């Protein structure tokens, strides 16, 4: 029966829409046929190479509407077979979104990326945009203030103070209708 060589048990990490290839090497006499099967039993590659572009098409067609987390995981199997038998090795593939996927389509924002921004925390410190769960200005953690990372400490402090003063002025116990931050 064939033997699959140097096959990692670690997940294959793929950045969504970035080209990536993994190879399943197998030996045997006679030379085995190698192919890849997805978690639904469909052949997705009839060679030893599995290219991430195959999954990008699947994600766009089937899963993009469900793609709400930071990553998406599937399992694939490399199969090597000849007349002497067959062998299979499974591989977990983890897809991670790149900030390119969520770029603003407006012309003025075409070159801006997530790492161009920071968010302000209630204690005045700054954090990366993906830390919005632990650093936010509201009772609902999606209320964040984003600022550019090239702003000086003084500019960020002034922005934070302006928001704090605005909240004090328009607080819920003073103006019932207007709530900046609750």
N, C-alpha and C. Protein backbone atom coordinates (compact mmCIF):
# COMPACT_ATOMS: atom_id res chain seq x y z
N UNK A 1 0.84 -1.18 0.00
CA UNK A 1 0.00 0.00 0.00
C UNK A 1 0.89 1.25 0.00
N UNK A 2 0.38 2.36 -0.50
CA UNK A 2 1.16 3.59 -0.52
C UNK A 2 1.44 4.12 0.90
N UNK A 3 2.41 5.01 0.97
CA UNK A 3 2.74 5.67 2.23
C UNK A 3 2.73 7.18 1.98
N UNK A 4 2.03 7.92 2.84
CA UNK A 4 2.02 9.39 2.75
C UNK A 4 3.15 9.90 3.62
N UNK A 5 4.00 10.75 3.05
CA UNK A 5 5.19 11.25 3.73
C UNK A 5 4.98 12.64 4.33
N UNK A 6 5.65 12.91 5.43
CA UNK A 6 5.76 14.24 6.03
C UNK A 6 4.45 15.01 6.02
N UNK A 7 3.45 14.44 6.60
CA UNK A 7 2.14 15.09 6.64
C UNK A 7 1.92 15.63 8.04
N UNK A 8 1.75 16.93 8.15
CA UNK A 8 1.63 17.59 9.44
C UNK A 8 0.25 17.35 10.07
N UNK A 9 0.24 17.22 11.38
CA UNK A 9 -1.02 17.14 12.12
C UNK A 9 -1.52 18.51 12.53
N UNK A 10 -0.71 19.55 12.28
CA UNK A 10 -1.10 20.92 12.59
C UNK A 10 -2.06 21.45 11.53
N UNK A 11 -2.97 22.35 11.90
CA UNK A 11 -3.89 22.92 10.90
C UNK A 11 -3.13 23.73 9.85
N UNK A 12 -3.68 23.75 8.67
CA UNK A 12 -3.15 24.59 7.59
C UNK A 12 -3.86 25.93 7.72
N UNK A 13 -3.11 26.99 7.97
CA UNK A 13 -3.66 28.33 8.15
C UNK A 13 -3.67 29.03 6.80
N UNK A 14 -4.83 29.49 6.38
CA UNK A 14 -4.98 30.14 5.08
C UNK A 14 -5.63 31.51 5.28
N UNK A 15 -5.01 32.55 4.75
CA UNK A 15 -5.63 33.87 4.76
C UNK A 15 -6.59 33.92 3.59
N UNK A 16 -7.83 34.28 3.87
CA UNK A 16 -8.85 34.32 2.84
C UNK A 16 -8.40 35.21 1.68
N UNK A 17 -8.54 34.73 0.47
CA UNK A 17 -8.19 35.39 -0.78
C UNK A 17 -6.68 35.52 -1.01
N UNK A 18 -5.85 34.88 -0.18
CA UNK A 18 -4.41 34.89 -0.41
C UNK A 18 -4.02 33.52 -0.97
N UNK A 19 -3.17 33.48 -2.01
CA UNK A 19 -2.79 32.20 -2.60
C UNK A 19 -1.94 31.37 -1.64
N UNK A 20 -2.24 30.10 -1.56
CA UNK A 20 -1.51 29.19 -0.69
C UNK A 20 -1.69 27.77 -1.24
N UNK A 21 -0.65 26.97 -1.13
CA UNK A 21 -0.70 25.60 -1.64
C UNK A 21 -0.09 24.65 -0.62
N UNK A 22 -0.72 23.50 -0.45
CA UNK A 22 -0.16 22.45 0.38
C UNK A 22 -0.03 21.21 -0.50
N UNK A 23 1.00 20.41 -0.20
CA UNK A 23 1.28 19.24 -1.03
C UNK A 23 1.22 17.99 -0.17
N UNK A 24 0.60 16.96 -0.71
CA UNK A 24 0.54 15.65 -0.07
C UNK A 24 1.48 14.72 -0.85
N UNK A 25 2.63 14.42 -0.26
CA UNK A 25 3.61 13.54 -0.92
C UNK A 25 3.33 12.09 -0.52
N UNK A 26 3.31 11.21 -1.52
CA UNK A 26 3.10 9.79 -1.25
C UNK A 26 4.01 8.96 -2.14
N UNK A 27 4.44 7.82 -1.61
CA UNK A 27 5.25 6.89 -2.40
C UNK A 27 4.58 5.52 -2.38
N UNK A 28 4.94 4.71 -3.33
CA UNK A 28 4.41 3.36 -3.40
C UNK A 28 4.81 2.72 -4.72
N UNK A 29 4.66 1.41 -4.79
CA UNK A 29 4.96 0.68 -6.02
C UNK A 29 3.76 -0.20 -6.34
N UNK A 30 3.06 0.12 -7.41
CA UNK A 30 3.28 1.19 -8.38
C UNK A 30 2.99 2.58 -7.77
N UNK A 31 3.42 3.60 -8.50
CA UNK A 31 3.23 4.98 -8.05
C UNK A 31 1.74 5.23 -7.78
N UNK A 32 1.43 5.76 -6.60
CA UNK A 32 0.01 5.95 -6.26
C UNK A 32 -0.61 7.18 -6.92
N UNK A 33 -1.91 7.11 -7.11
CA UNK A 33 -2.69 8.29 -7.50
C UNK A 33 -3.00 9.05 -6.22
N UNK A 34 -2.92 10.37 -6.29
CA UNK A 34 -3.17 11.19 -5.11
C UNK A 34 -4.30 12.17 -5.43
N UNK A 35 -5.23 12.31 -4.51
CA UNK A 35 -6.30 13.30 -4.68
C UNK A 35 -6.76 13.77 -3.31
N UNK A 36 -7.43 14.91 -3.31
CA UNK A 36 -7.94 15.54 -2.09
C UNK A 36 -9.47 15.48 -2.10
N UNK A 37 -10.05 15.22 -0.92
CA UNK A 37 -11.50 15.12 -0.76
C UNK A 37 -11.92 16.11 0.33
N UNK A 38 -13.03 16.82 0.10
CA UNK A 38 -13.51 17.76 1.12
C UNK A 38 -14.34 17.01 2.16
N UNK A 39 -14.83 17.74 3.16
CA UNK A 39 -15.55 17.11 4.27
C UNK A 39 -16.90 16.54 3.86
N UNK A 40 -17.34 16.84 2.63
CA UNK A 40 -18.60 16.30 2.12
C UNK A 40 -18.39 15.11 1.19
N UNK A 41 -17.13 14.67 1.05
CA UNK A 41 -16.82 13.53 0.20
C UNK A 41 -16.59 13.85 -1.27
N UNK A 42 -16.53 15.13 -1.61
CA UNK A 42 -16.31 15.54 -3.00
C UNK A 42 -14.81 15.67 -3.29
N UNK A 43 -14.39 15.19 -4.45
CA UNK A 43 -12.99 15.37 -4.87
C UNK A 43 -12.80 16.83 -5.24
N UNK A 44 -11.82 17.47 -4.61
CA UNK A 44 -11.57 18.89 -4.87
C UNK A 44 -10.24 19.13 -5.58
N UNK A 45 -9.39 18.11 -5.63
CA UNK A 45 -8.15 18.21 -6.40
C UNK A 45 -7.73 16.80 -6.79
N UNK A 46 -7.33 16.63 -8.05
CA UNK A 46 -6.91 15.31 -8.54
C UNK A 46 -5.40 15.22 -8.65
N UNK A 47 -4.70 16.09 -7.92
CA UNK A 47 -3.23 16.06 -7.89
C UNK A 47 -2.78 16.07 -6.44
N UNK A 48 -1.47 15.98 -6.24
CA UNK A 48 -0.94 16.04 -4.88
C UNK A 48 -1.02 17.45 -4.29
N UNK A 49 -1.23 18.45 -5.14
CA UNK A 49 -1.30 19.83 -4.66
C UNK A 49 -2.75 20.25 -4.40
N UNK A 50 -2.93 20.96 -3.29
CA UNK A 50 -4.22 21.54 -2.97
C UNK A 50 -4.01 23.04 -2.84
N UNK A 51 -4.67 23.80 -3.71
CA UNK A 51 -4.51 25.24 -3.76
C UNK A 51 -5.66 25.91 -3.02
N UNK A 52 -5.36 26.94 -2.24
CA UNK A 52 -6.39 27.63 -1.47
C UNK A 52 -7.43 28.30 -2.35
N UNK A 53 -7.13 28.56 -3.61
CA UNK A 53 -8.11 29.18 -4.52
C UNK A 53 -9.36 28.32 -4.65
N UNK A 54 -9.22 27.00 -4.52
CA UNK A 54 -10.37 26.10 -4.57
C UNK A 54 -11.37 26.49 -3.48
N UNK A 55 -10.88 26.79 -2.29
CA UNK A 55 -11.75 27.10 -1.17
C UNK A 55 -12.32 28.50 -1.27
N UNK A 56 -11.58 29.42 -1.85
CA UNK A 56 -12.11 30.77 -2.02
C UNK A 56 -13.38 30.74 -2.87
N UNK A 57 -13.39 29.90 -3.91
CA UNK A 57 -14.59 29.77 -4.74
C UNK A 57 -15.74 29.15 -3.95
N UNK A 58 -15.43 28.15 -3.13
CA UNK A 58 -16.46 27.51 -2.32
C UNK A 58 -17.02 28.49 -1.31
N UNK A 59 -16.14 29.26 -0.66
CA UNK A 59 -16.60 30.24 0.34
C UNK A 59 -17.50 31.28 -0.28
N UNK A 60 -17.11 31.80 -1.43
CA UNK A 60 -17.91 32.83 -2.08
C UNK A 60 -19.27 32.27 -2.46
N UNK A 61 -19.29 31.05 -3.00
CA UNK A 61 -20.54 30.46 -3.48
C UNK A 61 -21.45 30.00 -2.34
N UNK A 62 -20.88 29.35 -1.32
CA UNK A 62 -21.71 28.67 -0.34
C UNK A 62 -21.74 29.31 1.04
N UNK A 63 -20.64 29.85 1.50
CA UNK A 63 -20.52 30.16 2.91
C UNK A 63 -20.35 31.63 3.25
N UNK A 64 -20.18 32.49 2.27
CA UNK A 64 -19.84 33.87 2.60
C UNK A 64 -20.90 34.54 3.45
N UNK A 65 -22.15 34.21 3.21
CA UNK A 65 -23.21 34.78 4.03
C UNK A 65 -23.14 34.33 5.48
N UNK A 66 -22.54 33.18 5.73
CA UNK A 66 -22.42 32.65 7.08
C UNK A 66 -21.07 33.03 7.70
N UNK A 67 -20.24 33.74 6.97
CA UNK A 67 -18.87 34.03 7.39
C UNK A 67 -18.88 35.22 8.33
N UNK A 68 -19.31 34.99 9.57
CA UNK A 68 -19.46 36.10 10.51
C UNK A 68 -18.37 36.13 11.56
N UNK A 69 -17.61 35.07 11.71
CA UNK A 69 -16.54 35.05 12.70
C UNK A 69 -15.23 35.46 12.04
N UNK A 70 -14.17 35.46 12.86
CA UNK A 70 -12.86 35.81 12.32
C UNK A 70 -12.27 34.69 11.49
N UNK A 71 -12.75 33.49 11.68
CA UNK A 71 -12.19 32.38 10.91
C UNK A 71 -13.28 31.38 10.57
N UNK A 72 -12.91 30.46 9.70
CA UNK A 72 -13.81 29.43 9.21
C UNK A 72 -12.97 28.18 9.06
N UNK A 73 -13.43 27.03 9.50
CA UNK A 73 -12.64 25.81 9.51
C UNK A 73 -13.33 24.71 8.72
N UNK A 74 -12.54 23.98 7.93
CA UNK A 74 -13.05 22.79 7.24
C UNK A 74 -12.02 21.68 7.39
N UNK A 75 -12.42 20.47 7.08
CA UNK A 75 -11.52 19.33 7.09
C UNK A 75 -11.44 18.75 5.69
N UNK A 76 -10.24 18.39 5.28
CA UNK A 76 -10.02 17.75 3.99
C UNK A 76 -9.19 16.49 4.22
N UNK A 77 -9.19 15.62 3.23
CA UNK A 77 -8.44 14.37 3.33
C UNK A 77 -7.61 14.17 2.08
N UNK A 78 -6.33 13.84 2.29
CA UNK A 78 -5.46 13.45 1.18
C UNK A 78 -5.55 11.93 1.07
N UNK A 79 -5.83 11.45 -0.12
CA UNK A 79 -5.92 10.01 -0.35
C UNK A 79 -4.89 9.61 -1.39
N UNK A 80 -4.13 8.58 -1.07
CA UNK A 80 -3.16 8.02 -2.01
C UNK A 80 -3.54 6.55 -2.21
N UNK A 81 -3.67 6.15 -3.49
CA UNK A 81 -4.07 4.76 -3.74
C UNK A 81 -3.40 4.20 -4.97
N UNK A 82 -3.16 2.91 -4.92
CA UNK A 82 -2.71 2.14 -6.08
C UNK A 82 -3.34 0.75 -5.97
N UNK A 83 -2.92 -0.18 -6.81
CA UNK A 83 -3.55 -1.51 -6.79
C UNK A 83 -3.24 -2.28 -5.51
N UNK A 84 -2.25 -1.82 -4.75
CA UNK A 84 -1.88 -2.49 -3.50
C UNK A 84 -2.74 -2.03 -2.31
N UNK A 85 -3.45 -0.90 -2.48
CA UNK A 85 -4.28 -0.41 -1.38
C UNK A 85 -4.36 1.11 -1.38
N UNK A 86 -4.86 1.65 -0.30
CA UNK A 86 -4.97 3.11 -0.19
C UNK A 86 -4.71 3.54 1.25
N UNK A 87 -4.38 4.81 1.38
CA UNK A 87 -4.15 5.41 2.70
C UNK A 87 -4.71 6.83 2.67
N UNK A 88 -5.20 7.27 3.82
CA UNK A 88 -5.77 8.62 3.92
C UNK A 88 -5.16 9.34 5.11
N UNK A 89 -4.97 10.63 4.95
CA UNK A 89 -4.55 11.51 6.05
C UNK A 89 -5.45 12.73 6.03
N UNK A 90 -6.00 13.08 7.18
CA UNK A 90 -6.89 14.23 7.27
C UNK A 90 -6.12 15.48 7.67
N UNK A 91 -6.65 16.61 7.25
CA UNK A 91 -6.03 17.90 7.52
C UNK A 91 -7.13 18.91 7.85
N UNK A 92 -6.92 19.66 8.90
CA UNK A 92 -7.84 20.74 9.26
C UNK A 92 -7.31 22.02 8.61
N UNK A 93 -8.20 22.77 7.96
CA UNK A 93 -7.83 24.03 7.32
C UNK A 93 -8.58 25.15 8.01
N UNK A 94 -7.84 26.15 8.48
CA UNK A 94 -8.44 27.31 9.13
C UNK A 94 -8.27 28.53 8.23
N UNK A 95 -9.38 29.14 7.87
CA UNK A 95 -9.36 30.35 7.05
C UNK A 95 -9.50 31.56 7.96
N UNK A 96 -8.68 32.55 7.72
CA UNK A 96 -8.77 33.80 8.47
C UNK A 96 -8.99 34.94 7.49
N UNK A 97 -9.84 35.86 7.88
CA UNK A 97 -10.13 37.02 7.04
C UNK A 97 -8.95 37.97 7.04
N UNK A 98 -8.69 38.54 5.90
CA UNK A 98 -7.74 39.64 5.83
C UNK A 98 -8.54 40.92 5.81
N UNK A 99 -7.93 42.00 6.20
CA UNK A 99 -8.67 43.26 6.22
C UNK A 99 -9.07 43.70 4.82
N UNK A 100 -8.42 43.15 3.78
CA UNK A 100 -8.80 43.48 2.41
C UNK A 100 -10.24 43.08 2.11
N UNK A 101 -10.70 42.04 2.76
CA UNK A 101 -12.05 41.55 2.52
C UNK A 101 -13.10 42.58 2.91
N UNK A 102 -12.77 43.41 3.89
CA UNK A 102 -13.74 44.36 4.41
C UNK A 102 -13.37 45.80 4.10
N UNK A 103 -12.63 46.03 3.04
CA UNK A 103 -12.25 47.39 2.68
C UNK A 103 -13.46 48.22 2.29
N UNK A 104 -13.39 49.48 2.61
CA UNK A 104 -14.44 50.42 2.24
C UNK A 104 -14.38 50.64 0.73
N UNK A 105 -15.47 50.47 0.00
CA UNK A 105 -15.43 50.61 -1.46
C UNK A 105 -15.36 52.06 -1.94
N UNK A 106 -15.56 53.04 -1.05
CA UNK A 106 -15.52 54.43 -1.46
C UNK A 106 -14.11 54.83 -1.91
N UNK A 107 -14.04 55.69 -2.93
CA UNK A 107 -12.77 56.09 -3.51
C UNK A 107 -11.83 56.68 -2.47
N UNK A 108 -12.34 57.56 -1.61
CA UNK A 108 -11.49 58.24 -0.64
C UNK A 108 -10.88 57.27 0.37
N UNK A 109 -11.47 56.10 0.55
CA UNK A 109 -11.01 55.15 1.56
C UNK A 109 -10.34 53.92 0.95
N UNK A 110 -10.03 53.95 -0.33
CA UNK A 110 -9.58 52.75 -1.04
C UNK A 110 -8.30 52.13 -0.48
N UNK A 111 -7.40 52.93 0.10
CA UNK A 111 -6.14 52.39 0.60
C UNK A 111 -6.10 52.23 2.11
N UNK A 112 -7.20 52.50 2.79
CA UNK A 112 -7.22 52.40 4.24
C UNK A 112 -7.41 50.95 4.67
N UNK A 113 -6.70 50.58 5.74
CA UNK A 113 -6.79 49.22 6.29
C UNK A 113 -7.13 49.31 7.77
N UNK A 114 -7.49 48.19 8.33
CA UNK A 114 -7.85 48.14 9.74
C UNK A 114 -6.72 48.64 10.63
N UNK A 115 -5.47 48.32 10.27
CA UNK A 115 -4.36 48.74 11.13
C UNK A 115 -4.03 50.23 11.00
N UNK A 116 -4.75 50.96 10.18
CA UNK A 116 -4.60 52.42 10.13
C UNK A 116 -5.36 53.09 11.27
N UNK A 117 -6.13 52.35 12.03
CA UNK A 117 -7.00 52.93 13.04
C UNK A 117 -6.77 52.31 14.41
N UNK A 118 -7.18 53.04 15.42
CA UNK A 118 -7.18 52.56 16.80
C UNK A 118 -8.50 52.99 17.43
N UNK A 119 -8.85 52.35 18.54
CA UNK A 119 -10.06 52.76 19.25
C UNK A 119 -9.67 53.34 20.60
N UNK A 120 -10.50 54.24 21.10
CA UNK A 120 -10.27 54.86 22.41
C UNK A 120 -11.03 54.08 23.47
N UNK A 121 -10.37 53.84 24.60
CA UNK A 121 -10.98 53.10 25.70
C UNK A 121 -11.47 54.07 26.77
N UNK A 122 -12.39 53.64 27.63
CA UNK A 122 -12.90 54.52 28.68
C UNK A 122 -11.82 55.08 29.60
N UNK A 123 -10.73 54.33 29.78
CA UNK A 123 -9.65 54.81 30.66
C UNK A 123 -8.66 55.72 29.93
N UNK A 124 -8.94 56.05 28.67
CA UNK A 124 -8.08 56.96 27.92
C UNK A 124 -7.00 56.28 27.10
N UNK A 125 -6.77 54.99 27.31
CA UNK A 125 -5.74 54.30 26.51
C UNK A 125 -6.28 54.00 25.12
N UNK A 126 -5.42 53.58 24.23
CA UNK A 126 -5.84 53.21 22.88
C UNK A 126 -5.63 51.72 22.68
N UNK A 127 -6.36 51.14 21.73
CA UNK A 127 -6.26 49.71 21.46
C UNK A 127 -6.49 49.48 19.97
N UNK A 128 -6.13 48.28 19.51
CA UNK A 128 -6.38 47.92 18.12
C UNK A 128 -7.87 47.72 17.90
N UNK A 129 -8.32 47.91 16.68
CA UNK A 129 -9.75 47.87 16.35
C UNK A 129 -10.38 46.54 16.75
N UNK A 130 -9.66 45.43 16.60
CA UNK A 130 -10.26 44.13 16.91
C UNK A 130 -10.44 43.91 18.42
N UNK A 131 -9.95 44.83 19.27
CA UNK A 131 -10.13 44.72 20.72
C UNK A 131 -11.40 45.42 21.21
N UNK A 132 -12.36 45.64 20.33
CA UNK A 132 -13.56 46.40 20.67
C UNK A 132 -14.39 45.77 21.78
N UNK A 133 -14.26 44.46 22.00
CA UNK A 133 -15.05 43.81 23.05
C UNK A 133 -14.61 44.28 24.43
N UNK A 134 -13.30 44.43 24.63
CA UNK A 134 -12.78 44.83 25.94
C UNK A 134 -12.52 46.33 26.05
N UNK A 135 -12.53 47.03 24.93
CA UNK A 135 -12.27 48.47 24.93
C UNK A 135 -13.37 49.16 24.15
N UNK A 136 -14.33 49.73 24.87
CA UNK A 136 -15.45 50.39 24.22
C UNK A 136 -16.00 51.46 25.15
N UNK A 137 -16.79 52.34 24.61
CA UNK A 137 -17.28 53.48 25.39
C UNK A 137 -18.76 53.38 25.75
N UNK A 138 -19.36 52.24 25.57
CA UNK A 138 -20.79 52.15 25.84
C UNK A 138 -21.17 50.89 26.58
N UNK A 139 -22.43 50.84 27.00
CA UNK A 139 -22.95 49.62 27.62
C UNK A 139 -23.00 48.49 26.61
N UNK A 140 -23.23 48.84 25.37
CA UNK A 140 -23.20 47.86 24.29
C UNK A 140 -21.82 47.95 23.67
N UNK A 141 -21.08 46.85 23.65
CA UNK A 141 -19.67 46.90 23.31
C UNK A 141 -19.36 47.27 21.87
N UNK A 142 -20.35 47.45 21.03
CA UNK A 142 -20.05 47.88 19.67
C UNK A 142 -19.92 49.40 19.56
N UNK A 143 -20.15 50.13 20.65
CA UNK A 143 -20.00 51.59 20.63
C UNK A 143 -18.53 51.94 20.83
N UNK A 144 -17.83 52.19 19.75
CA UNK A 144 -16.40 52.51 19.84
C UNK A 144 -16.13 53.82 19.11
N UNK A 145 -15.02 54.41 19.46
CA UNK A 145 -14.54 55.59 18.76
C UNK A 145 -13.23 55.21 18.12
N UNK A 146 -13.12 55.43 16.83
CA UNK A 146 -11.93 55.05 16.09
C UNK A 146 -11.13 56.30 15.79
N UNK A 147 -9.82 56.20 15.96
CA UNK A 147 -8.92 57.30 15.64
C UNK A 147 -7.73 56.74 14.87
N UNK A 148 -7.07 57.57 14.11
CA UNK A 148 -5.92 57.13 13.32
C UNK A 148 -4.72 56.90 14.24
N UNK A 149 -3.91 55.87 13.93
CA UNK A 149 -2.77 55.54 14.79
C UNK A 149 -1.62 56.54 14.68
N UNK A 150 -1.67 57.45 13.72
CA UNK A 150 -0.61 58.45 13.62
C UNK A 150 -0.90 59.69 14.44
N UNK A 151 -2.06 59.74 15.10
CA UNK A 151 -2.40 60.88 15.95
C UNK A 151 -1.48 60.90 17.17
N UNK A 152 -1.12 62.09 17.61
CA UNK A 152 -0.25 62.22 18.79
C UNK A 152 -1.02 61.89 20.05
N UNK A 153 -0.29 61.65 21.13
CA UNK A 153 -0.92 61.38 22.42
C UNK A 153 -1.81 62.54 22.84
N UNK A 154 -1.36 63.76 22.59
CA UNK A 154 -2.13 64.95 22.93
C UNK A 154 -3.44 65.01 22.14
N UNK A 155 -3.39 64.70 20.83
CA UNK A 155 -4.60 64.71 20.00
C UNK A 155 -5.60 63.65 20.48
N UNK A 156 -5.09 62.48 20.83
CA UNK A 156 -5.97 61.41 21.31
C UNK A 156 -6.60 61.78 22.66
N UNK A 157 -5.80 62.37 23.53
CA UNK A 157 -6.31 62.80 24.83
C UNK A 157 -7.39 63.87 24.66
N UNK A 158 -7.14 64.81 23.76
CA UNK A 158 -8.14 65.86 23.52
C UNK A 158 -9.44 65.28 22.96
N UNK A 159 -9.32 64.29 22.08
CA UNK A 159 -10.50 63.65 21.52
C UNK A 159 -11.30 62.95 22.63
N UNK A 160 -10.59 62.25 23.49
CA UNK A 160 -11.23 61.55 24.60
C UNK A 160 -11.92 62.54 25.53
N UNK A 161 -11.21 63.64 25.86
CA UNK A 161 -11.80 64.67 26.74
C UNK A 161 -13.05 65.29 26.12
N UNK A 162 -12.99 65.57 24.84
CA UNK A 162 -14.14 66.15 24.15
C UNK A 162 -15.36 65.24 24.28
N UNK A 163 -15.15 63.96 24.09
CA UNK A 163 -16.25 63.00 24.22
C UNK A 163 -16.75 62.92 25.66
N UNK A 164 -15.83 62.93 26.61
CA UNK A 164 -16.23 62.89 28.02
C UNK A 164 -17.04 64.14 28.40
N UNK A 165 -16.56 65.32 27.98
CA UNK A 165 -17.29 66.56 28.27
C UNK A 165 -18.66 66.55 27.59
N UNK A 166 -18.71 66.07 26.37
CA UNK A 166 -19.99 65.97 25.67
C UNK A 166 -20.95 65.06 26.40
N UNK A 167 -20.42 63.95 26.91
CA UNK A 167 -21.26 63.03 27.65
C UNK A 167 -21.77 63.68 28.94
N UNK A 168 -20.89 64.39 29.63
CA UNK A 168 -21.31 65.06 30.86
C UNK A 168 -22.39 66.10 30.57
N UNK A 169 -22.22 66.82 29.47
CA UNK A 169 -23.18 67.87 29.12
C UNK A 169 -24.52 67.27 28.69
N UNK A 170 -24.44 66.20 27.88
CA UNK A 170 -25.66 65.57 27.37
C UNK A 170 -25.98 64.28 28.11
N UNK A 171 -25.65 64.19 29.37
CA UNK A 171 -25.88 62.94 30.10
C UNK A 171 -27.37 62.65 30.22
N UNK A 172 -27.69 61.38 30.48
CA UNK A 172 -29.08 60.94 30.47
C UNK A 172 -29.91 61.57 31.58
N UNK A 173 -29.31 61.99 32.68
CA UNK A 173 -30.11 62.59 33.74
C UNK A 173 -30.36 64.08 33.51
N UNK A 174 -29.63 64.70 32.57
CA UNK A 174 -29.85 66.11 32.27
C UNK A 174 -30.82 66.27 31.11
N UNK A 175 -30.55 65.57 30.00
CA UNK A 175 -31.41 65.63 28.81
C UNK A 175 -31.92 64.22 28.54
N UNK A 176 -33.16 63.99 28.80
CA UNK A 176 -33.72 62.65 28.68
C UNK A 176 -33.71 62.17 27.23
N UNK A 177 -33.90 63.07 26.27
CA UNK A 177 -33.99 62.68 24.87
C UNK A 177 -32.62 62.40 24.26
N UNK A 178 -31.60 63.13 24.67
CA UNK A 178 -30.28 63.02 24.04
C UNK A 178 -29.35 62.16 24.90
N UNK A 179 -28.79 61.11 24.30
CA UNK A 179 -27.83 60.25 24.99
C UNK A 179 -26.63 60.05 24.06
N UNK A 180 -25.50 60.59 24.42
CA UNK A 180 -24.30 60.34 23.63
C UNK A 180 -23.76 58.95 23.95
N UNK A 181 -23.53 58.72 25.24
CA UNK A 181 -23.03 57.43 25.72
C UNK A 181 -23.87 57.06 26.93
N UNK A 182 -24.45 55.87 26.92
CA UNK A 182 -25.26 55.45 28.07
C UNK A 182 -24.49 54.48 28.92
